[in-house]
Protein backbone atom coordinates (compact mmCIF):
# COMPACT_ATOMS: atom_id res chain seq x y z
CA MET A 1 129.13 27.90 49.60
CA TYR A 2 126.43 27.56 47.21
CA TYR A 3 127.86 24.87 45.31
CA PRO A 4 130.94 22.01 45.49
CA LEU A 5 134.39 23.57 45.82
CA SER A 6 135.62 20.44 44.33
CA ILE A 7 135.15 21.77 40.71
CA MET A 8 137.11 20.35 37.45
CA SER A 9 138.90 22.76 35.42
CA SER A 10 139.32 21.88 31.21
CA LEU A 11 140.02 22.98 27.81
CA VAL A 12 137.24 23.07 25.66
CA THR A 13 135.92 23.91 22.12
CA LYS A 14 133.48 26.25 20.95
CA TRP A 15 132.02 26.57 17.19
CA LYS A 16 131.14 29.93 16.32
CA LYS A 17 130.71 30.65 12.25
CA ASN A 18 132.15 27.07 11.84
CA LYS A 19 135.51 28.11 13.17
CA PRO A 20 137.05 26.51 16.38
CA TYR A 21 137.60 28.72 19.58
CA LEU A 22 139.24 27.23 22.49
CA TYR A 23 138.20 28.25 26.25
CA TRP A 24 139.33 27.65 29.55
CA VAL A 25 136.71 26.31 31.69
CA ARG A 26 135.28 25.05 35.23
CA SER A 27 132.73 23.56 35.58
CA ALA A 28 130.45 21.91 38.87
CA ARG A 29 127.28 20.20 39.46
CA ILE A 30 124.36 22.85 40.25
CA GLU A 31 120.79 20.93 41.25
CA GLY A 32 122.64 17.82 40.48
CA LYS A 33 123.54 18.84 36.77
CA PRO A 34 126.55 19.53 35.69
CA ARG A 35 127.19 23.53 34.39
CA ILE A 36 129.91 25.99 33.64
CA VAL A 37 130.29 28.17 36.32
CA GLU A 38 133.30 30.14 34.78
CA GLN A 39 135.27 30.67 31.36
CA ILE A 40 138.18 32.64 29.98
CA TYR A 41 138.30 32.93 26.14
CA LEU A 42 142.07 31.77 24.59
CA GLY A 43 141.63 32.23 21.02
CA PRO A 44 141.38 30.48 18.13
CA ARG A 45 141.93 26.78 18.51
CA GLU A 46 144.87 26.24 16.13
CA ARG A 47 146.91 29.19 17.05
CA VAL A 48 146.74 28.30 20.76
CA LEU A 49 147.64 24.70 20.19
CA GLU A 50 150.68 26.11 17.97
CA GLN A 51 151.50 27.89 20.64
CA LEU A 52 151.58 24.48 23.08
CA ARG A 53 153.57 22.83 20.49
CA THR A 54 156.18 25.80 20.46
CA GLN A 55 156.23 25.45 23.73
CA GLY A 56 156.41 22.01 24.34
CA SER A 57 159.25 21.97 22.03
CA VAL A 58 161.74 23.80 23.53
CA ALA A 59 163.10 22.99 27.29
CA PRO A 60 162.00 25.05 30.31
CA GLN A 61 164.41 26.89 32.14
CA PRO A 62 165.14 24.85 35.61
CA GLY A 63 162.31 27.09 38.35
CA ALA A 64 160.63 29.13 35.66
CA ALA A 65 156.88 29.52 35.58
CA PRO A 66 154.79 28.73 31.86
CA PRO A 67 154.26 31.34 29.91
CA LEU A 68 150.77 33.05 30.66
CA ARG A 69 148.26 33.57 28.34
CA THR A 70 145.55 35.44 30.86
CA VAL A 71 144.68 37.07 34.08
CA GLN A 72 141.41 37.93 35.44
CA THR A 73 140.66 39.92 38.33
CA ARG A 74 137.24 39.94 40.30
CA GLU A 75 136.20 42.37 43.71
CA PHE A 76 137.03 39.28 46.23
CA GLY A 77 137.26 41.34 50.22
CA ALA A 78 133.35 42.88 50.70
CA SER A 79 131.19 40.05 48.19
CA THR A 80 132.97 37.13 50.08
CA LEU A 81 132.81 39.27 53.77
CA PHE A 82 129.54 39.28 53.54
CA TYR A 83 128.19 36.29 51.46
CA ALA A 84 129.39 34.30 53.94
CA LEU A 85 128.09 35.90 56.80
CA ALA A 86 124.37 36.20 55.17
CA GLN A 87 125.41 31.99 55.13
CA ASP A 88 126.12 31.81 58.39
CA LEU A 89 122.98 33.77 59.87
CA GLY A 90 121.11 31.21 57.24
CA ARG A 91 119.33 34.18 55.84
CA ILE A 92 118.75 31.85 52.69
CA ASP A 93 117.16 29.25 53.32
CA LEU A 94 115.03 30.97 56.14
CA ILE A 95 113.28 32.88 53.23
CA ASN A 96 112.78 30.01 51.06
CA ALA A 97 111.34 28.32 53.95
CA HIS A 98 108.46 31.09 54.44
CA VAL A 99 108.25 32.39 50.79
CA PRO A 100 106.90 29.79 47.97
CA PRO A 101 109.07 29.26 44.70
CA ALA A 102 108.72 30.99 41.43
CA PRO A 103 106.62 29.18 38.76
CA ALA A 104 108.06 27.08 36.86
CA ARG A 105 107.50 29.46 33.74
CA ARG A 106 109.72 31.85 35.88
CA ARG A 107 112.11 29.95 37.62
CA THR A 108 115.77 29.85 37.48
CA SER A 109 118.73 27.98 39.37
CA LEU A 110 118.25 31.05 41.70
CA SER A 111 115.92 31.03 44.45
CA VAL A 112 113.95 33.92 46.12
CA GLY A 113 116.52 33.11 49.17
CA HIS A 114 119.28 34.27 47.03
CA SER A 115 117.61 36.63 45.14
CA LEU A 116 117.08 38.71 48.04
CA VAL A 117 120.32 38.24 49.59
CA LEU A 118 122.26 38.82 46.78
CA ALA A 119 120.50 42.16 46.72
CA ALA A 120 121.36 42.56 50.19
CA ILE A 121 124.90 42.21 49.88
CA ASN A 122 124.32 45.08 46.99
CA ARG A 123 123.12 47.56 48.59
CA THR A 124 125.97 46.81 51.33
CA ILE A 125 128.71 47.20 49.15
CA TRP A 126 128.26 49.63 46.18
CA PRO A 127 124.23 50.01 45.02
CA THR A 128 123.23 49.58 41.62
CA SER A 129 119.68 49.42 39.89
CA LYS A 130 118.64 46.23 39.16
CA ARG A 131 119.47 46.75 35.88
CA ALA A 132 123.01 47.60 36.06
CA PHE A 133 122.62 44.63 38.98
CA ALA A 134 124.66 41.43 36.40
CA GLU A 135 127.54 43.94 35.33
CA TRP A 136 128.24 44.22 38.94
CA TYR A 137 127.72 41.06 39.96
CA ALA A 138 129.96 39.84 36.95
CA GLY A 139 132.69 41.82 38.70
CA THR A 140 133.11 39.89 41.73
CA VAL A 141 133.68 36.71 43.58
CA LEU A 142 129.82 36.14 44.01
CA ALA A 143 129.84 34.84 40.04
CA ARG A 144 131.40 31.95 41.08
CA LEU A 145 130.08 31.65 44.62
CA VAL A 146 126.83 32.01 43.11
CA PRO A 147 126.68 30.73 39.53
CA ALA A 148 124.03 32.04 37.51
CA ALA A 149 123.42 33.30 34.09
CA ALA A 150 122.64 37.07 33.08
CA GLU A 151 119.28 36.64 31.78
CA GLU A 152 118.71 34.91 35.55
CA LEU A 153 119.74 38.07 37.23
CA SER A 154 117.74 40.67 35.05
CA SER A 155 115.68 43.46 36.53
CA GLN A 156 112.52 40.92 35.56
CA ARG A 157 113.47 37.73 36.98
CA PHE A 158 114.05 40.23 40.65
CA TRP A 159 110.82 41.35 40.09
CA ASP A 160 109.50 38.04 39.95
CA HIS A 161 111.08 37.49 43.18
CA MET A 162 110.12 40.22 44.67
CA HIS A 163 106.30 39.72 43.85
CA LEU A 164 106.39 36.50 45.57
CA PHE A 165 106.75 37.90 48.92
CA GLU A 166 103.40 38.29 50.87
CA ALA A 167 102.32 40.86 53.66
CA HIS A 168 102.34 37.85 56.20
CA HIS A 169 105.77 36.61 55.31
CA PHE A 170 107.65 39.56 56.69
CA ALA A 171 106.95 38.71 60.21
CA PRO A 172 107.91 35.00 60.71
CA ILE A 173 111.12 35.85 58.58
CA GLN A 174 112.17 38.66 61.21
CA ARG A 175 111.23 36.72 64.26
CA GLU A 176 113.50 33.59 63.21
CA LEU A 177 115.94 36.04 62.42
CA LEU A 178 116.28 37.55 65.41
CA THR A 179 116.39 34.12 67.33
CA ARG A 180 119.52 33.38 64.84
CA ILE A 181 120.53 36.51 66.14
CA ARG A 182 120.40 36.01 69.46
CA GLU A 183 122.08 32.67 69.54
CA ARG A 184 125.54 34.47 67.97
CA PHE A 185 125.57 37.61 69.46
CA PRO A 186 125.37 38.41 73.32
CA LEU A 187 122.54 41.05 73.49
CA GLY A 188 121.37 42.87 76.03
CA GLU A 189 118.24 41.42 77.72
CA GLN A 190 116.97 44.73 79.68
CA PHE A 191 116.79 47.62 77.36
CA LEU A 192 115.51 47.95 73.93
CA VAL A 193 116.19 51.52 71.54
CA TYR A 194 113.57 52.32 69.46
CA ASP A 195 113.42 55.31 66.84
CA THR A 196 111.73 56.14 63.33
CA THR A 197 112.67 57.85 60.39
CA ASN A 198 111.42 58.34 56.73
CA TYR A 199 113.27 58.28 53.07
CA TYR A 200 112.03 60.80 50.38
CA THR A 201 110.68 58.88 46.68
CA PHE A 202 110.49 59.92 43.48
CA ILE A 203 106.77 58.19 43.26
CA HIS A 204 104.53 60.77 40.85
CA THR A 205 102.07 62.55 43.08
CA PHE A 206 98.87 61.46 40.53
CA ASN A 207 100.21 57.55 41.25
CA ARG A 208 97.41 56.70 43.59
CA ARG A 209 98.39 53.11 43.22
CA PRO A 210 100.38 52.65 46.15
CA SER A 211 99.72 53.70 49.81
CA LEU A 212 103.22 53.35 51.36
CA PRO A 213 104.25 56.83 49.87
CA GLN A 214 102.88 59.69 51.03
CA ARG A 215 103.48 63.21 51.94
CA GLY A 216 104.52 64.10 55.38
CA ARG A 217 107.40 66.02 57.26
CA ASN A 218 110.68 64.78 55.55
CA THR A 219 113.28 64.54 58.06
CA GLN A 220 115.75 65.73 54.62
CA LYS A 221 113.84 68.52 54.22
CA ARG A 222 111.66 67.09 51.22
CA HIS A 223 108.12 68.11 51.80
CA ASP A 224 107.43 68.88 48.42
CA LEU A 225 108.08 64.36 47.31
CA ARG A 226 106.15 60.95 48.92
CA GLN A 227 107.96 59.26 51.92
CA LEU A 228 107.78 56.03 53.29
CA SER A 229 108.46 55.59 56.88
CA LEU A 230 110.90 52.98 58.85
CA ALA A 231 110.92 52.05 62.67
CA LEU A 232 113.66 50.64 64.14
CA VAL A 233 114.64 48.59 66.85
CA VAL A 234 118.01 48.11 68.11
CA ASP A 235 120.11 46.45 70.92
CA GLU A 236 121.49 49.16 73.16
CA GLU A 237 124.50 46.94 74.33
CA ARG A 238 125.97 46.43 70.87
CA GLY A 239 123.66 48.71 68.39
CA LEU A 240 122.17 45.57 66.34
CA PRO A 241 119.24 45.65 64.70
CA LEU A 242 116.63 43.88 65.77
CA SER A 243 113.11 44.63 63.57
CA TYR A 244 112.17 46.96 61.62
CA ARG A 245 108.58 48.08 60.12
CA CYS A 246 107.65 49.88 57.10
CA TYR A 247 104.31 52.39 56.75
CA ALA A 248 103.10 54.86 55.22
CA GLY A 249 104.81 58.11 55.07
CA ASN A 250 102.05 60.53 56.42
CA VAL A 251 101.75 58.79 59.81
CA THR A 252 103.31 60.80 62.19
CA ASP A 253 105.84 59.01 64.82
CA VAL A 254 103.88 58.90 67.80
CA VAL A 255 100.85 57.48 66.17
CA ALA A 256 103.31 54.93 65.11
CA LEU A 257 104.27 53.77 68.28
CA GLY A 258 100.92 52.00 68.90
CA ALA A 259 101.21 49.65 65.94
CA SER A 260 104.75 49.05 66.26
CA LEU A 261 104.37 48.25 70.14
CA SER A 262 102.49 44.15 69.33
CA GLY A 263 104.52 43.94 66.41
CA MET A 264 108.27 44.57 66.11
CA ILE A 265 109.00 45.80 69.63
CA CYS A 266 107.33 42.42 70.83
CA GLN A 267 109.98 40.59 68.69
CA GLY A 268 112.75 42.19 70.07
CA LEU A 269 112.01 40.04 73.45
CA PRO A 270 114.30 37.45 74.36
CA PRO A 271 113.86 34.13 75.03
CA GLN A 272 113.89 34.54 79.05
CA ALA A 273 113.27 38.17 78.89
CA PRO A 274 112.50 39.92 82.29
CA ALA A 275 109.14 40.69 83.50
CA ARG A 276 109.18 44.38 81.72
CA LEU A 277 111.85 45.17 78.87
CA THR A 278 112.89 49.11 78.50
CA VAL A 279 111.89 50.50 75.44
CA ILE A 280 113.99 54.29 75.51
CA LEU A 281 112.04 56.61 73.47
CA ASP A 282 113.41 59.64 71.60
CA LYS A 283 111.11 62.67 72.37
CA GLY A 284 109.42 62.66 68.83
CA ASN A 285 108.36 59.20 69.96
CA VAL A 286 106.64 60.44 73.01
CA SER A 287 102.90 61.33 74.10
CA PHE A 288 100.84 60.94 77.48
CA ASP A 289 98.45 58.14 75.40
CA ASN A 290 101.62 56.17 74.23
CA PHE A 291 103.29 55.77 78.28
CA LYS A 292 99.67 54.58 79.22
CA ALA A 293 99.94 52.05 76.32
CA LEU A 294 103.34 50.77 77.20
CA HIS A 295 102.30 50.55 80.58
CA GLN A 296 99.37 48.68 79.97
CA ALA A 297 101.53 46.69 77.25
CA GLN A 298 103.99 45.58 80.49
CA PHE A 299 106.61 47.61 79.07
CA SER A 300 108.71 49.66 80.58
CA PHE A 301 110.19 53.01 79.40
CA LEU A 302 113.18 55.72 79.54
CA ALA A 303 112.23 58.60 77.47
CA ALA A 304 112.83 61.93 76.33
CA VAL A 305 110.12 64.32 77.57
CA PRO A 306 109.76 68.04 76.03
CA ALA A 307 110.45 70.63 78.67
CA GLY A 308 107.44 72.27 78.59
CA TRP A 309 105.87 69.37 80.38
CA VAL A 310 108.17 70.10 83.72
CA ARG A 311 109.24 73.60 83.27
CA SER A 312 109.07 74.38 87.15
CA LEU A 313 111.92 71.49 87.20
CA CYS A 314 113.98 73.55 84.06
CA GLN A 315 114.14 76.40 85.79
CA VAL A 316 115.75 75.24 88.82
CA ALA A 317 119.24 76.22 89.14
CA LEU A 318 122.51 74.33 88.24
CA ARG A 319 124.52 75.07 91.27
CA ALA A 320 121.59 72.05 92.80
CA TYR A 321 122.85 69.81 90.11
CA GLN A 322 125.15 66.52 91.24
CA PRO A 323 128.05 66.25 88.72
CA LEU A 324 127.90 62.97 86.68
CA ALA A 325 130.94 61.00 85.37
CA LEU A 326 130.54 59.15 82.04
CA ALA A 327 132.48 56.72 79.87
CA GLN A 328 135.16 57.84 77.82
CA GLY A 329 135.87 61.14 80.43
CA LYS A 330 132.80 62.44 79.60
CA ARG A 331 130.79 64.36 82.21
CA VAL A 332 127.33 66.19 82.72
CA LYS A 333 125.18 67.49 85.65
CA VAL A 334 122.22 65.88 86.73
CA TYR A 335 119.42 66.97 89.23
CA ALA A 336 116.69 63.67 90.06
CA GLN A 337 113.46 63.70 91.29
CA SER A 338 111.82 60.62 92.45
CA ASP A 339 107.79 59.79 92.91
CA THR A 340 106.92 62.11 90.19
CA ARG A 341 102.99 61.29 88.46
CA LEU A 342 103.33 62.32 85.05
CA GLY A 343 100.65 61.69 82.60
CA GLY A 344 98.83 59.55 84.85
CA ILE A 345 102.34 57.47 85.43
CA ASP A 346 104.06 57.16 88.22
CA GLY A 347 107.51 57.25 87.08
CA LYS A 348 111.16 59.24 87.95
CA LEU A 349 112.12 62.50 86.27
CA LEU A 350 115.42 63.20 85.79
CA VAL A 351 116.78 66.89 84.08
CA SER A 352 120.73 66.39 82.39
CA PHE A 353 122.87 69.53 81.66
CA SER A 354 125.75 68.83 79.29
CA PRO A 355 128.16 71.55 78.44
CA THR A 356 128.97 70.33 75.35
CA PHE A 357 125.10 70.01 74.48
CA TYR A 358 124.73 73.44 75.56
CA ARG A 359 127.77 75.05 73.55
CA LYS A 360 126.14 73.51 70.46
CA GLN A 361 122.84 74.98 71.32
CA VAL A 362 124.14 78.78 71.87
CA ARG A 363 125.89 78.62 68.38
CA THR A 364 122.55 77.48 66.98
CA LEU A 365 120.51 79.97 68.35
CA ASP A 366 123.09 82.30 67.76
CA LEU A 367 123.50 81.64 64.36
CA LEU A 368 119.41 81.45 63.84
CA GLN A 369 118.91 85.26 64.67
CA GLN A 370 121.85 86.26 62.17
CA LYS A 371 120.20 84.57 59.45
CA ALA A 372 116.97 85.85 60.64
CA ASP A 373 118.16 89.32 60.67
CA ARG A 374 119.64 89.17 57.23
CA HIS A 375 116.09 88.48 56.18
CA LEU A 376 114.43 90.83 58.26
CA HIS A 377 116.13 93.11 56.52
CA ALA A 378 115.53 92.13 53.15
CA LEU A 379 111.56 92.32 53.94
CA ARG A 380 112.02 95.94 55.32
CA ALA A 381 113.48 96.26 51.89
CA SER A 382 110.85 95.35 49.86
CA ILE A 383 107.98 96.77 52.42
CA GLN A 384 109.93 100.25 51.74
CA ASP A 385 110.28 99.65 47.99
CA ALA A 386 106.81 98.29 47.70
CA VAL A 387 105.82 102.15 49.29
CA VAL A 388 108.07 103.83 46.71
CA ARG A 389 105.67 102.08 44.16
CA LYS A 390 102.84 103.11 45.78
CA ARG A 391 101.58 99.80 46.30
CA PRO A 392 102.22 99.21 50.10
CA ARG A 393 101.92 95.22 51.32
CA THR A 394 99.13 94.41 53.63
CA GLU A 395 99.06 94.11 57.44
CA GLY A 396 98.25 90.37 57.04
CA ALA A 397 101.16 89.73 54.85
CA VAL A 398 103.57 91.53 56.25
CA ARG A 399 102.80 88.80 59.92
CA ARG A 400 102.75 85.84 58.03
CA ALA A 401 106.41 86.50 56.23
CA LEU A 402 107.56 87.48 60.18
CA HIS A 403 105.71 84.44 61.38
CA GLN A 404 107.59 81.89 59.08
CA LEU A 405 111.04 84.02 59.68
CA VAL A 406 110.84 83.54 63.34
CA ARG A 407 109.23 80.09 63.54
CA HIS A 408 112.43 78.27 64.78
CA ASP A 409 112.81 76.88 67.89
CA ARG A 410 112.45 80.07 70.69
CA LEU A 411 113.68 82.84 68.44
CA ASN A 412 110.22 84.38 68.48
CA ASP A 413 110.34 84.37 72.60
CA PHE A 414 112.38 87.07 72.54
CA PHE A 415 111.52 88.67 68.92
CA SER A 416 109.68 92.24 69.04
CA PRO A 417 108.54 93.90 65.57
CA THR A 418 107.03 97.01 65.60
CA LEU A 419 104.92 97.81 62.09
CA GLN A 420 103.93 101.36 61.09
CA VAL A 421 100.51 100.84 59.75
CA ASP A 422 98.15 103.31 58.27
CA HIS A 423 94.40 102.06 56.94
CA GLY A 424 95.70 98.39 56.67
CA ALA A 425 98.93 99.22 55.40
CA VAL A 426 102.34 98.80 56.40
CA TYR A 427 104.83 101.35 55.78
CA ASP A 428 107.70 100.55 57.67
CA LEU A 429 109.46 97.79 60.10
CA GLN A 430 111.01 97.96 63.08
CA TRP A 431 112.28 95.23 64.84
CA GLU A 432 114.57 94.13 68.12
CA TRP A 433 115.98 91.35 69.99
CA ASP A 434 115.47 90.84 73.96
CA ARG A 435 118.50 90.55 75.48
CA ARG A 436 117.16 89.74 78.45
CA LYS A 437 114.62 86.98 77.49
CA LYS A 438 117.19 85.55 75.50
CA ARG A 439 119.67 85.37 78.38
CA GLN A 440 116.88 83.40 80.41
CA ILE A 441 116.47 81.27 77.83
CA LYS A 442 119.97 79.80 77.48
CA HIS A 443 120.55 79.48 81.46
CA HIS A 444 117.32 78.06 81.69
CA ASP A 445 116.66 75.87 78.90
CA LEU A 446 119.32 75.09 76.76
CA GLY A 447 122.06 72.38 77.06
CA LYS A 448 119.51 70.49 79.21
CA THR A 449 117.54 67.02 78.15
CA VAL A 450 114.67 65.57 80.83
CA LEU A 451 114.34 62.06 80.93
CA PHE A 452 111.07 60.86 82.41
CA THR A 453 111.11 56.62 83.28
CA ASP A 454 108.63 54.43 85.30
CA ARG A 455 111.49 52.36 86.74
CA GLN A 456 112.13 54.17 89.84
CA GLU A 457 115.31 51.77 90.76
CA LEU A 458 117.14 53.03 87.90
CA SER A 459 120.17 55.32 89.07
CA ALA A 460 121.03 58.72 87.79
CA HIS A 461 124.19 57.40 85.57
CA ARG A 462 121.97 54.14 84.53
CA MET A 463 118.97 56.58 82.74
CA VAL A 464 121.67 59.05 81.24
CA ALA A 465 124.18 55.86 80.11
CA ALA A 466 121.28 54.02 78.41
CA TYR A 467 119.02 57.19 77.15
CA ARG A 468 122.63 58.25 75.15
CA HIS A 469 122.62 54.73 73.41
CA GLN A 470 119.97 56.43 71.37
CA ALA A 471 122.82 57.59 69.06
CA LYS A 472 123.20 54.11 67.74
CA VAL A 473 119.96 53.48 66.18
CA GLU A 474 120.80 57.07 64.73
CA ASP A 475 123.98 55.70 63.46
CA MET A 476 121.97 53.15 61.19
CA PHE A 477 119.72 55.55 59.61
CA ARG A 478 122.95 57.64 59.06
CA ILE A 479 124.25 54.80 57.03
CA SER A 480 121.42 53.64 55.24
CA LYS A 481 120.99 57.76 54.26
CA SER A 482 124.35 57.92 53.04
CA ARG A 483 125.45 58.34 49.09
CA ARG A 484 128.05 55.60 49.49
CA PRO A 485 127.37 53.14 50.17
CA GLY A 486 123.94 54.13 50.68
CA LEU A 487 121.97 51.22 51.05
CA TRP A 488 118.44 52.60 50.77
CA TRP A 489 118.68 54.42 47.32
CA PRO A 490 118.79 54.35 44.60
CA ALA A 491 114.74 52.57 45.12
CA HIS A 492 113.17 52.09 41.46
CA HIS A 493 110.18 50.70 43.09
CA TRP A 494 106.24 52.11 43.10
CA THR A 495 104.06 49.21 44.51
CA ASP A 496 103.79 48.97 48.29
CA SER A 497 104.78 45.20 48.20
CA LYS A 498 107.82 45.95 46.16
CA LEU A 499 108.69 48.55 48.54
CA SER A 500 108.42 46.65 51.44
CA VAL A 501 111.09 43.64 49.84
CA HIS A 502 112.89 46.66 49.12
CA ALA A 503 112.47 47.61 53.03
CA LEU A 504 113.66 43.90 54.07
CA SER A 505 116.85 43.58 51.88
CA CYS A 506 117.91 46.80 53.21
CA PHE A 507 117.37 46.04 56.84
CA VAL A 508 119.29 42.52 55.80
CA ALA A 509 122.04 45.09 54.25
CA LEU A 510 121.90 47.23 57.77
CA LEU A 511 122.47 44.21 60.11
CA LEU A 512 125.50 42.61 57.63
CA SER A 513 127.15 46.48 57.76
CA ARG A 514 126.77 46.68 61.36
CA ILE A 515 128.14 43.11 62.72
CA ILE A 516 131.28 43.55 60.76
CA LEU A 517 131.56 46.75 62.79
CA LEU A 518 131.18 44.75 65.82
CA ARG A 519 133.75 42.34 64.68
CA LEU A 520 136.57 45.33 64.21
CA GLN A 521 135.57 46.94 67.73
CA ASP A 522 136.30 43.38 69.29
CA ARG A 523 139.47 44.01 67.17
CA HIS A 524 139.86 47.68 68.73
CA LEU A 525 139.46 48.89 65.16
CA ALA A 526 137.40 52.37 64.24
CA ILE A 527 136.51 53.36 60.78
CA GLY A 528 133.39 53.90 58.73
CA VAL A 529 131.14 51.84 56.30
CA GLY A 530 131.75 53.72 53.79
CA LEU A 531 135.85 53.62 53.84
CA LEU A 532 135.43 50.00 54.93
CA THR A 533 133.64 48.78 51.98
CA GLU A 534 135.96 50.74 50.21
CA ARG A 535 139.04 49.20 51.37
CA LEU A 536 137.56 45.70 51.18
CA ARG A 537 136.43 46.11 47.70
CA GLY A 538 140.31 46.78 46.89
CA ILE A 539 141.09 43.51 47.75
CA GLU A 540 140.59 41.31 44.73
CA GLU A 541 141.02 37.76 43.26
CA ALA A 542 143.02 36.96 40.38
CA LEU A 543 142.97 34.38 38.17
CA VAL A 544 146.35 33.33 36.32
CA VAL A 545 145.57 31.25 33.40
CA TYR A 546 149.25 29.78 31.91
CA ALA A 547 150.10 29.13 28.51
CA ASN A 548 149.62 25.48 28.65
CA GLY A 549 146.24 25.04 30.43
CA ALA A 550 147.33 25.43 33.77
CA ALA A 551 145.38 27.51 36.18
CA GLN A 552 145.71 29.54 39.66
CA ARG A 553 143.72 31.76 41.74
CA VAL A 554 145.77 34.45 43.97
CA ILE A 555 144.35 37.37 46.18
CA THR A 556 146.14 40.37 45.04
CA ALA A 557 148.49 42.90 46.91
CA ARG A 558 147.15 44.79 49.58
CA SER A 559 148.26 48.01 51.27
CA PRO A 560 148.74 48.08 54.99
CA GLU A 561 145.21 49.48 55.57
CA GLN A 562 143.48 46.47 53.28
CA GLU A 563 145.68 44.37 55.37
CA GLU A 564 144.95 45.23 58.61
CA LEU A 565 141.11 44.73 57.51
CA PHE A 566 142.48 41.19 55.85
CA VAL A 567 143.46 39.83 59.00
CA ALA A 568 141.00 41.17 61.29
CA LEU A 569 138.41 39.96 59.60
CA ASP A 570 139.94 36.70 58.81
CA LEU A 571 139.89 36.74 55.00
CA ARG A 572 142.81 34.31 54.57
CA THR A 573 140.61 31.34 56.14
CA LEU A 574 138.31 32.32 53.44
CA ALA A 575 140.13 33.10 50.62
CA GLU A 576 141.69 29.53 51.00
CA GLN A 577 138.77 27.69 51.47
CA LEU A 578 137.54 28.67 48.56
CA GLY A 579 140.78 27.63 46.79
CA ASN A 580 143.08 31.06 46.48
CA THR A 581 146.60 31.54 47.73
CA VAL A 582 147.02 34.31 49.52
CA LEU A 583 150.72 36.24 49.08
CA LYS A 584 152.34 38.04 51.57
CA PRO A 585 151.79 41.80 51.67
């Protein structure tokens, strides 16, 4: 770990207001200098010594333990596990190799690498602001694994380290980290999954210093706030995050792909990559220009495309589809068309029909129609009320309101409004839903996904299975946006440089979380990140100090669910390496 485990414990006296007080302390050499890494207050010296003399004058009972002085508990499971994993990946040394140290007047015992890794672990376990970080840190075993004074963990010291990052530091850090990931985990060499998302911020609209936060189409419907966008590449087989790119929030997903090609996707290439690596794209990232750019960059692609691009193919009757069995007993129907030219690219088209997806889309369409009906009745009532008040609404205003109410996908295709207009004023509103057109939409469009690839040798099963792995990158986004543990929020930064470092810290936190989930999957344990961190946080380390100065570290009792994780993640080995006694559950 960070310092040698052969540390010394002793009793020391500290004078406060000319009065002696006794402390139990453990010391170690940090960067060649002896430092106290842990201490527990015992009480006034004379009182403690008198208790020791009294206990020494009484013959101890055979087998009896010495009287307790105090017990100190710290969170052990999550902090130790994620810190050990970060050490295994060499994250601290990797960052220190590329980012210069702080100036001498602001240098602390913690390096830049230590600060970023500690921040990433905090993001993984229980995100806090930098101001509240020291309090959280003191309650975890990190306080003795990476000992630091409280003033060294202040928000200002974190900002000092974040300010040392330059724009050219991020790319080599990502490349070397990817190399270390590939050395430790078997990754797929054929497909990479690419997707984008965004995160809203509370940066003031008139704060023009940062350029990354911009207004855009927010995935969480917070269009009133500035946002940052994030592109992520994950491995298709194991879902490990491999690379990321943080960019301005007003750049659309389609445009962002071009800038991502030369950087983050190329970093995802293994040392001995196939001649043409295949990138899996969602519908929001595709365009004919992007297909040509991928082709020119010697990338293959597998992408979901809008049904409107191949409307005639979607009109094929379901009886012409072929059944296809997928993993875990799932079944779909597919219709393939080879030797197809789309956007100037020769490839293979495949339409996949999922009964489960069809039922969800039908239900969603019905709910949207019911919601629109309620709003239409309210609009009609407001029109009639305006007529009663002899201030009827204009035709333009009503048509704009109608467009807003049926703006959702496909509603406008079978919606027919009728306005009673006189001299530009609307006196009544009638409407109807065309059931025949709605039935046609259900039969021809819903439940279908259109896939296009320039690799015509891919089978229908491989195309469908590979595209379904798009869910792995969406899982990463879902984890990052969850409130607990909530990797991205809170984000109390507003400069571009610090927001970029924050994105790197969150990427590391995502990587650590995914690696632990993979370990549990190998043990056939399925658990969410929130429940995982909650159970791991409940595994604590107790430092038991006896009245005679002796001390012992013990891992506290664990529930059956915690013991299952304790065994599956081999926390016993870590606990014993750190000098803990592991009690039986």
